[in-house]
Protein backbone atom coordinates (compact mmCIF):
# COMPACT_ATOMS: atom_id res chain seq x y z
CA MET A 1 100.92 -40.09 -200.21
CA SER A 2 102.04 -36.37 -201.83
CA SER A 3 101.34 -32.92 -201.23
CA LYS A 4 99.29 -30.61 -203.78
CA GLN A 5 102.37 -29.49 -205.31
CA GLY A 6 103.17 -33.36 -205.85
CA LEU A 7 106.05 -33.55 -203.38
CA PRO A 8 106.07 -36.31 -200.97
CA LEU A 9 104.90 -35.30 -197.66
CA PRO A 10 107.34 -35.18 -194.68
CA MET A 11 107.58 -38.03 -192.50
CA ASN A 12 106.69 -36.08 -189.38
CA THR A 13 104.05 -33.71 -189.24
CA SER A 14 103.77 -32.56 -185.58
CA LEU A 15 106.19 -32.15 -182.65
CA PRO A 16 106.32 -35.80 -181.28
CA GLU A 17 105.24 -36.59 -177.96
CA PRO A 18 106.10 -36.99 -174.96
CA ALA A 19 108.73 -34.60 -174.66
CA GLY A 20 112.17 -35.87 -175.26
CA ALA A 21 110.93 -37.51 -178.78
CA LEU A 22 112.36 -35.06 -180.90
CA TRP A 23 115.79 -36.24 -180.80
CA PRO A 24 114.75 -39.66 -182.27
CA ALA A 25 112.67 -37.77 -184.78
CA ILE A 26 115.70 -36.09 -186.13
CA VAL A 27 117.35 -39.06 -186.12
CA ARG A 28 114.79 -40.93 -188.32
CA GLN A 29 114.27 -37.86 -190.88
CA THR A 30 118.24 -37.64 -191.26
CA ALA A 31 118.08 -41.08 -192.83
CA HIS A 32 114.99 -40.22 -194.58
CA ALA A 33 116.83 -37.23 -196.10
CA LEU A 34 119.87 -38.95 -197.05
CA ASP A 35 118.05 -41.74 -198.76
CA ARG A 36 116.31 -39.29 -200.70
CA GLY A 37 119.45 -37.46 -201.61
CA ALA A 38 118.05 -34.42 -199.96
CA LEU A 39 120.36 -33.77 -197.40
CA LEU A 40 123.89 -33.24 -198.50
CA PRO A 41 126.56 -33.38 -195.85
CA ILE A 42 129.77 -31.37 -196.40
CA GLN A 43 132.60 -33.55 -195.70
CA THR A 44 135.42 -32.20 -193.60
CA SER A 45 138.92 -33.07 -192.20
CA ARG A 46 139.54 -31.51 -188.60
CA THR A 47 142.46 -30.75 -186.41
CA THR A 48 142.55 -29.30 -183.05
CA ILE A 49 144.60 -26.35 -181.99
CA ASP A 50 145.05 -25.09 -178.16
CA ASP A 51 144.85 -21.44 -178.06
CA GLY A 52 143.91 -19.40 -174.66
CA GLY A 53 142.63 -22.19 -172.62
CA VAL A 54 140.47 -23.53 -175.42
CA ARG A 55 141.39 -26.71 -177.44
CA PHE A 56 139.93 -25.38 -180.93
CA VAL A 57 138.52 -27.57 -183.53
CA VAL A 58 139.42 -26.73 -186.82
CA ARG A 59 137.25 -28.45 -189.80
CA GLN A 60 138.73 -27.89 -193.46
CA ILE A 61 135.67 -28.07 -195.70
CA SER A 62 136.44 -30.49 -198.75
CA SER A 63 133.98 -28.82 -201.03
CA LEU A 64 131.35 -26.15 -201.12
CA ALA A 65 130.86 -26.89 -204.40
CA ARG A 66 127.17 -28.09 -204.15
CA LYS A 67 126.01 -25.37 -201.78
CA GLU A 68 127.40 -22.75 -203.96
CA LYS A 69 125.70 -24.19 -207.18
CA ASP A 70 122.55 -24.54 -205.35
CA ALA A 71 122.70 -20.76 -204.17
CA GLN A 72 123.37 -19.53 -207.72
CA GLN A 73 120.35 -21.73 -209.18
CA ARG A 74 118.29 -20.14 -206.63
CA LYS A 75 119.42 -16.62 -207.52
CA ALA A 76 119.32 -17.12 -211.23
CA GLY A 77 115.50 -18.18 -210.88
CA SER A 78 114.42 -15.71 -208.64
CA SER A 79 113.33 -12.15 -209.27
CA GLY A 80 114.29 -10.95 -205.55
CA ALA A 81 115.65 -11.80 -202.10
CA ARG A 82 112.37 -13.62 -201.07
CA ALA A 83 111.74 -15.41 -203.75
CA SER A 84 115.14 -17.35 -203.49
CA ASN A 85 114.17 -18.25 -200.04
CA PRO A 86 114.84 -22.16 -199.29
CA PHE A 87 112.70 -22.04 -196.42
CA LEU A 88 109.54 -20.94 -198.13
CA PRO A 89 108.49 -23.43 -199.33
CA TYR A 90 111.18 -25.52 -197.31
CA ASP A 91 111.75 -29.18 -199.04
CA PRO A 92 109.60 -31.49 -197.23
CA ASP A 93 112.27 -34.22 -197.14
CA LEU A 94 114.30 -31.70 -194.62
CA PHE A 95 110.96 -31.17 -192.24
CA VAL A 96 111.51 -32.87 -188.90
CA ALA A 97 108.62 -31.19 -186.73
CA ASP A 98 106.47 -28.45 -186.06
CA ILE A 99 107.06 -26.53 -182.89
CA SER A 100 104.35 -23.87 -182.74
CA ASP A 101 102.45 -21.91 -184.71
CA THR A 102 105.46 -19.72 -185.62
CA HIS A 103 108.23 -22.11 -186.02
CA LEU A 104 109.18 -25.32 -187.09
CA VAL A 105 112.56 -27.59 -187.38
CA LEU A 106 114.22 -28.41 -190.50
CA LEU A 107 117.36 -30.11 -191.26
CA ASN A 108 120.47 -28.42 -192.24
CA LYS A 109 120.62 -29.16 -195.66
CA PHE A 110 124.32 -28.87 -196.28
CA ASN A 111 125.33 -29.96 -192.80
CA VAL A 112 129.45 -29.76 -191.45
CA ILE A 113 128.11 -31.59 -188.03
CA ASP A 114 125.57 -34.36 -187.89
CA HIS A 115 122.06 -33.93 -186.78
CA HIS A 116 122.45 -29.98 -187.18
CA VAL A 117 118.95 -28.58 -187.06
CA LEU A 118 117.40 -24.94 -187.88
CA ILE A 119 114.46 -23.45 -185.99
CA VAL A 120 112.93 -21.38 -188.77
CA THR A 121 109.74 -18.84 -188.61
CA ARG A 122 106.64 -19.95 -190.37
CA ARG A 123 106.55 -16.45 -192.02
CA PHE A 124 109.06 -14.10 -193.61
CA GLU A 125 111.24 -12.31 -190.74
CA LEU A 126 114.44 -10.99 -191.35
CA GLN A 127 117.54 -12.59 -189.95
CA ARG A 128 118.52 -8.98 -188.87
CA ALA A 129 115.37 -8.76 -186.65
CA LEU A 130 115.54 -8.82 -182.95
CA LEU A 131 115.14 -12.27 -181.57
CA ASN A 132 111.63 -12.47 -180.00
CA LEU A 133 109.93 -14.30 -177.16
CA ALA A 134 108.49 -16.86 -179.60
CA ASP A 135 111.90 -17.62 -180.92
CA PHE A 136 113.03 -18.19 -177.16
CA ARG A 137 110.09 -20.62 -176.62
CA ALA A 138 110.68 -22.69 -180.02
CA LEU A 139 114.47 -22.84 -179.35
CA PHE A 140 114.07 -24.31 -175.64
CA THR A 141 111.03 -26.29 -176.67
CA CYS A 142 113.68 -28.41 -178.63
CA MET A 143 116.73 -27.50 -176.33
CA THR A 144 115.51 -29.02 -173.03
CA GLN A 145 115.08 -32.03 -175.10
CA PHE A 146 118.30 -33.30 -175.81
CA ASP A 147 121.90 -31.88 -174.78
CA SER A 148 122.50 -28.98 -177.42
CA LEU A 149 124.07 -25.72 -178.56
CA GLY A 150 121.74 -23.09 -180.08
CA PHE A 151 123.09 -20.24 -182.00
CA TYR A 152 122.09 -17.46 -183.83
CA ASN A 153 123.88 -15.44 -186.55
CA GLY A 154 122.51 -11.90 -186.67
CA GLY A 155 123.08 -10.93 -190.15
CA PRO A 156 125.38 -11.48 -193.16
CA GLU A 157 128.40 -9.71 -191.20
CA ALA A 158 128.00 -12.25 -188.43
CA GLY A 159 127.90 -15.32 -190.56
CA ALA A 160 124.14 -15.70 -191.93
CA SER A 161 123.70 -17.03 -195.20
CA GLN A 162 120.16 -16.81 -195.68
CA LEU A 163 117.88 -13.50 -195.00
CA HIS A 164 114.96 -15.49 -193.43
CA LYS A 165 115.11 -15.43 -189.72
CA HIS A 166 116.40 -19.37 -188.30
CA LEU A 167 117.83 -20.09 -185.47
CA GLN A 168 120.41 -23.16 -185.31
CA ILE A 169 120.89 -26.13 -182.88
CA ALA A 170 124.10 -28.62 -182.91
CA PRO A 171 124.00 -31.27 -180.51
CA LEU A 172 126.71 -31.79 -178.37
CA PRO A 173 129.56 -32.80 -178.50
CA LEU A 174 130.53 -30.69 -181.01
CA ASP A 175 133.51 -32.98 -181.68
CA ASP A 176 134.52 -36.09 -179.72
CA THR A 177 138.23 -34.99 -179.58
CA THR A 178 137.34 -32.25 -176.90
CA SER A 179 135.04 -31.32 -174.21
CA PRO A 180 131.40 -31.20 -175.31
CA LEU A 181 131.74 -27.67 -175.95
CA PRO A 182 135.62 -26.23 -176.81
CA ILE A 183 134.93 -23.09 -174.71
CA GLU A 184 133.66 -25.01 -171.48
CA PRO A 185 136.75 -25.00 -169.49
CA LEU A 186 137.06 -21.35 -169.45
CA LEU A 187 133.38 -21.27 -167.99
CA ALA A 188 133.95 -22.81 -164.82
CA SER A 189 135.30 -19.47 -163.52
CA ALA A 190 132.05 -17.33 -165.22
CA ARG A 191 129.54 -15.98 -162.64
CA MET A 192 126.23 -17.98 -163.18
CA ASP A 193 124.23 -16.19 -160.65
CA GLY A 194 121.94 -14.03 -163.73
CA SER A 195 123.80 -11.21 -163.51
CA VAL A 196 125.44 -9.59 -166.83
CA GLY A 197 129.36 -10.18 -166.81
CA THR A 198 132.29 -11.86 -168.99
CA VAL A 199 134.04 -14.63 -168.94
CA PRO A 200 137.75 -14.66 -167.66
CA GLY A 201 140.08 -15.57 -170.05
CA LEU A 202 137.87 -14.80 -173.30
CA GLY A 203 139.32 -12.06 -174.77
CA PHE A 204 137.19 -10.95 -177.40
CA ALA A 205 134.49 -8.79 -176.89
CA HIS A 206 131.37 -10.24 -175.32
CA ALA A 207 128.68 -10.72 -172.95
CA PHE A 208 127.60 -13.40 -170.59
CA VAL A 209 124.73 -14.48 -168.38
CA GLY A 210 124.11 -17.73 -166.33
CA PHE A 211 120.39 -19.14 -166.12
CA ASP A 212 118.55 -20.76 -163.27
CA PRO A 213 119.43 -24.60 -163.34
CA VAL A 214 115.68 -25.43 -162.09
CA LEU A 215 114.63 -23.82 -165.26
CA VAL A 216 115.84 -26.51 -167.33
CA SER A 217 112.46 -28.62 -166.64
CA ARG A 218 110.64 -25.84 -167.21
CA PRO A 219 110.99 -24.66 -171.11
CA LEU A 220 108.98 -22.18 -171.15
CA GLU A 221 109.66 -20.23 -168.01
CA LEU A 222 113.16 -20.79 -169.25
CA ALA A 223 112.38 -18.93 -172.48
CA HIS A 224 110.98 -16.06 -170.48
CA SER A 225 114.16 -15.79 -168.32
CA ALA A 226 116.25 -16.16 -171.23
CA PHE A 227 114.29 -13.44 -173.40
CA GLU A 228 114.66 -10.99 -170.69
CA ARG A 229 118.51 -11.62 -169.92
CA TYR A 230 119.08 -11.52 -174.02
CA MET A 231 117.74 -7.76 -174.11
CA SER A 232 120.27 -7.01 -171.02
CA LEU A 233 123.01 -8.91 -173.16
CA LEU A 234 122.17 -6.37 -176.11
CA ALA A 235 122.33 -3.39 -173.95
CA ALA A 236 125.52 -4.52 -172.24
CA THR A 237 127.29 -4.73 -175.59
CA GLY A 238 125.98 -1.66 -176.95
CA LEU A 239 123.41 -3.13 -179.12
CA HIS A 240 119.72 -1.87 -179.48
CA ALA A 241 116.50 -2.31 -181.68
CA VAL A 242 116.05 0.08 -184.75
CA ASP A 243 112.63 0.67 -186.08
CA VAL A 244 112.35 0.01 -189.84
CA ASN A 245 108.78 0.00 -191.18
CA GLY A 246 107.31 -1.00 -187.86
CA GLU A 247 109.96 -3.95 -187.24
CA PRO A 248 112.76 -3.72 -184.62
CA LEU A 249 115.70 -4.68 -186.57
CA GLN A 250 119.48 -4.97 -184.75
CA SER A 251 121.51 -1.78 -184.46
CA ALA A 252 124.78 -3.63 -185.44
CA PRO A 253 125.76 -7.55 -186.31
CA TYR A 254 126.14 -10.25 -183.63
CA ASN A 255 126.28 -13.77 -182.64
CA LEU A 256 124.54 -15.32 -180.05
CA LEU A 257 125.37 -18.76 -178.21
CA VAL A 258 122.70 -20.42 -176.14
CA THR A 259 122.55 -23.65 -173.76
CA THR A 260 120.13 -24.42 -171.22
CA ARG A 261 122.61 -23.11 -168.56
CA TRP A 262 124.08 -19.88 -170.12
CA MET A 263 123.94 -17.35 -173.02
CA MET A 264 126.65 -15.31 -174.34
CA LEU A 265 126.18 -12.47 -177.11
CA VAL A 266 129.30 -11.24 -178.97
CA PRO A 267 129.07 -8.37 -181.13
CA ARG A 268 130.56 -8.11 -184.64
CA ARG A 269 132.85 -5.74 -186.47
CA ALA A 270 133.94 -8.10 -189.51
CA GLU A 271 132.47 -10.85 -190.94
CA HIS A 272 135.88 -12.37 -191.52
CA SER A 273 139.54 -12.36 -191.30
CA GLU A 274 141.93 -13.02 -194.07
CA GLY A 275 139.36 -14.51 -195.95
CA ILE A 276 138.34 -16.97 -193.06
CA SER A 277 134.59 -16.30 -192.60
CA ILE A 278 133.48 -16.72 -188.53
CA ASN A 279 130.02 -17.60 -187.63
CA ALA A 280 128.68 -17.97 -183.90
CA LEU A 281 129.94 -21.38 -183.77
CA GLY A 282 133.79 -19.80 -184.12
CA PHE A 283 132.93 -18.56 -180.34
CA ALA A 284 132.22 -21.89 -179.39
CA GLY A 285 135.74 -23.00 -180.32
CA SER A 286 134.60 -24.68 -183.62
CA LEU A 287 135.91 -22.93 -186.54
CA PHE A 288 135.99 -23.67 -190.49
CA VAL A 289 138.39 -23.11 -193.20
CA ARG A 290 138.16 -23.76 -197.12
CA ASN A 291 141.96 -24.82 -197.72
CA GLU A 292 144.99 -25.51 -196.44
CA THR A 293 146.03 -21.78 -196.56
CA GLN A 294 143.43 -20.70 -194.57
CA MET A 295 144.59 -23.34 -191.96
CA ASP A 296 148.13 -22.07 -191.75
CA ILE A 297 146.76 -19.14 -191.15
CA ILE A 298 145.17 -20.02 -188.07
CA ARG A 299 147.79 -22.24 -186.96
CA THR A 300 150.31 -19.32 -187.03
CA ARG A 301 147.90 -16.34 -185.77
CA GLY A 302 146.22 -18.56 -183.30
CA PRO A 303 142.52 -18.93 -183.20
CA MET A 304 141.76 -16.30 -180.50
CA SER A 305 143.70 -13.68 -182.64
CA ILE A 306 141.23 -14.43 -185.25
CA LEU A 307 137.98 -14.02 -182.91
CA LYS A 308 139.26 -10.81 -181.45
CA GLU A 309 139.70 -9.47 -184.67
CA VAL A 310 136.20 -9.83 -186.10
CA ALA A 311 134.69 -9.29 -182.48
CA GLY A 312 136.64 -6.54 -181.06
CA THR A 313 138.55 -7.17 -177.63
CA ILE A 314 137.06 -6.79 -174.05
């Protein structure tokens, strides 16, 4: 069966039931997309670097040639930013599930981490737009189904590569050589009572808040709570809404890390340090470099120093 455009219809057409079936759907669609050649994983080599109480995972990317070629082809074939949008239309072979009337789940075409998915808005919204309640509902509808880390790169300066609003989810553990989340050991001393604060030992600028653990089984209630606390995190880091043609955009770039237990917002003052690009995963303890030169920089300076440079210090 095919769509009106002559493309094959996606294997899944709605969020699978019962709750908890999203993970098998991701696994099935991954196998399908690999078979079709639609999913193009980026191969890496990895090492760990201990710094500041965190065992950082640093992956050296073997080649970004396919990803860069894809971006160039889209740019060359478009007359504007929205025309080159890979999410409108999306590749049906990368489609996993409909979540709501506002969001859907896609596989990350050029994934470094296995089963990495994107939570994408159906209509075009800017990546610089503030997150809203619908974004959090979509995020937690997915994240409460399997152990995972959600994250958001608020604008190009925070590591976003697409203009269309999308959150991301990576299954945990991020790497089998460390704890499920590299920064997890430091979180043991963080306050989880719902008040906004910081994590002792994390020297880069950030604001942190815990969630009520009973809400993990109530995705919609958790989404409401997270949205309210997200607004508090913005205020705590000096960010606010800027009205642009009636749309609330962020006043400055930032990264957001989310689990079903806590959330952390990191304001950004630079996109990279010595050519090393940092996105939200960096603040979770997972870094990516393009070559051995960049790897040597991180070994010499230490990952925490790099994070402090792009985010500022407390």
